[in-house]
């Protein structure tokens, strides 16, 4: 029996990882889709077909109509969105899409975790450490005199759905009342949408990747970021698989079991300077460093699909620690930013040499793969076009 799988958001690197993973499985036929004429995962040899959709951000109603028509005409065993916008859009409108099957828990369960205000409440009920937090329905409820600085303004939703499309929100660190006033004036959604003000936790981030089935954990994975874009903190461009910290794994398991989670999730923590871990947020869909876990031996897309379709794959009990993943063009951007920044000459020389003398034995490239070259060519072409503008 052949199972047709539809992978949405094909322009994302995580969609490319999903496509390559599933395309290698027997009896799986992968179709990819996005709103551009071609996309990263659509170029992969493991994508049997690429479809152009409406833009789910700007034209959500048209996107829903497109999905409804597509799933009515073609039988897909699973539809796999990899961004927050498409996953939440499809979940909240699942009644309109009776022939679409998603590898998610219910919309209500997802929002119990994806809504950061709900997440903090759940964590506190379960005894999981979170930063000190205050909730506000909108900026009109805020009394500036009660805030201790530095602080963090964190909207409860990363993406806010409206009839005219989605509004992207951002987390802001504020050092004083002037910063607060500037943020409240510049981020219009704070006037109408709920948010929190949390204490700022100095330290570094850490995450646990998880796969759950009907509230029970199947596998955990951890990594550490070695280089980011921008260098001071951002998207991972060089990462390495690591052993999960027991305290973080225990907290992630307690949280997701308490939420009766089903599917994949990335639980993010902040490690304070005293070593205390604080829950920060949860990504309720595939994450940016997905290919690293696959290379290290934990194939989350294949395991997820196997669970949904009863293919019989078993989650591994161990994986390779020390496996590295490099996003080459992102690393190049990071190097450029680093060299243009106010670092010392010695630091810049070391960073330059690190870029050009990588660890060949333990490092694989996220996009550039000899066995599947077209995505790398596509990415390089678009990179050069943007560079030459």
Foldseek 3Di string as FASTA:
>chain_A
DAAEEEEEPQQALLSLLLLVLQLPDPRYAYAYEEQDPAHLNNQWPSHPYYYHAHHCFQCVVRRVVVLQVVLVVDQHLAYAYFDPSVVLSCQVCVVSRVRHHYQWDHSVLVLCFQQQVSLVVLLVVLVAAAFDKDKDQAPVVDDQVPDDPQKKKFFRHQWDQDPRGIDGDDIDTDGHVVSVVVVNVPPVVRHHGMIMIGHDFPADKWKKKFADAQLHTQDIWTKAAPAAVQRVDDHGFKMWTDDDDVVRVVSVSSSSSSSSTHGIKMWMWGQHPVRRIHTDHMDRGDDRVQNQCVVFPANRSVVSVCSSVVVDDHGDPDTDGGAMEGALVRLVNNLVSVVPDPDDPVVNVVSVVCSVDDDVVRYDYSSDDPVTHRSVVVVVVVVVVVVVD
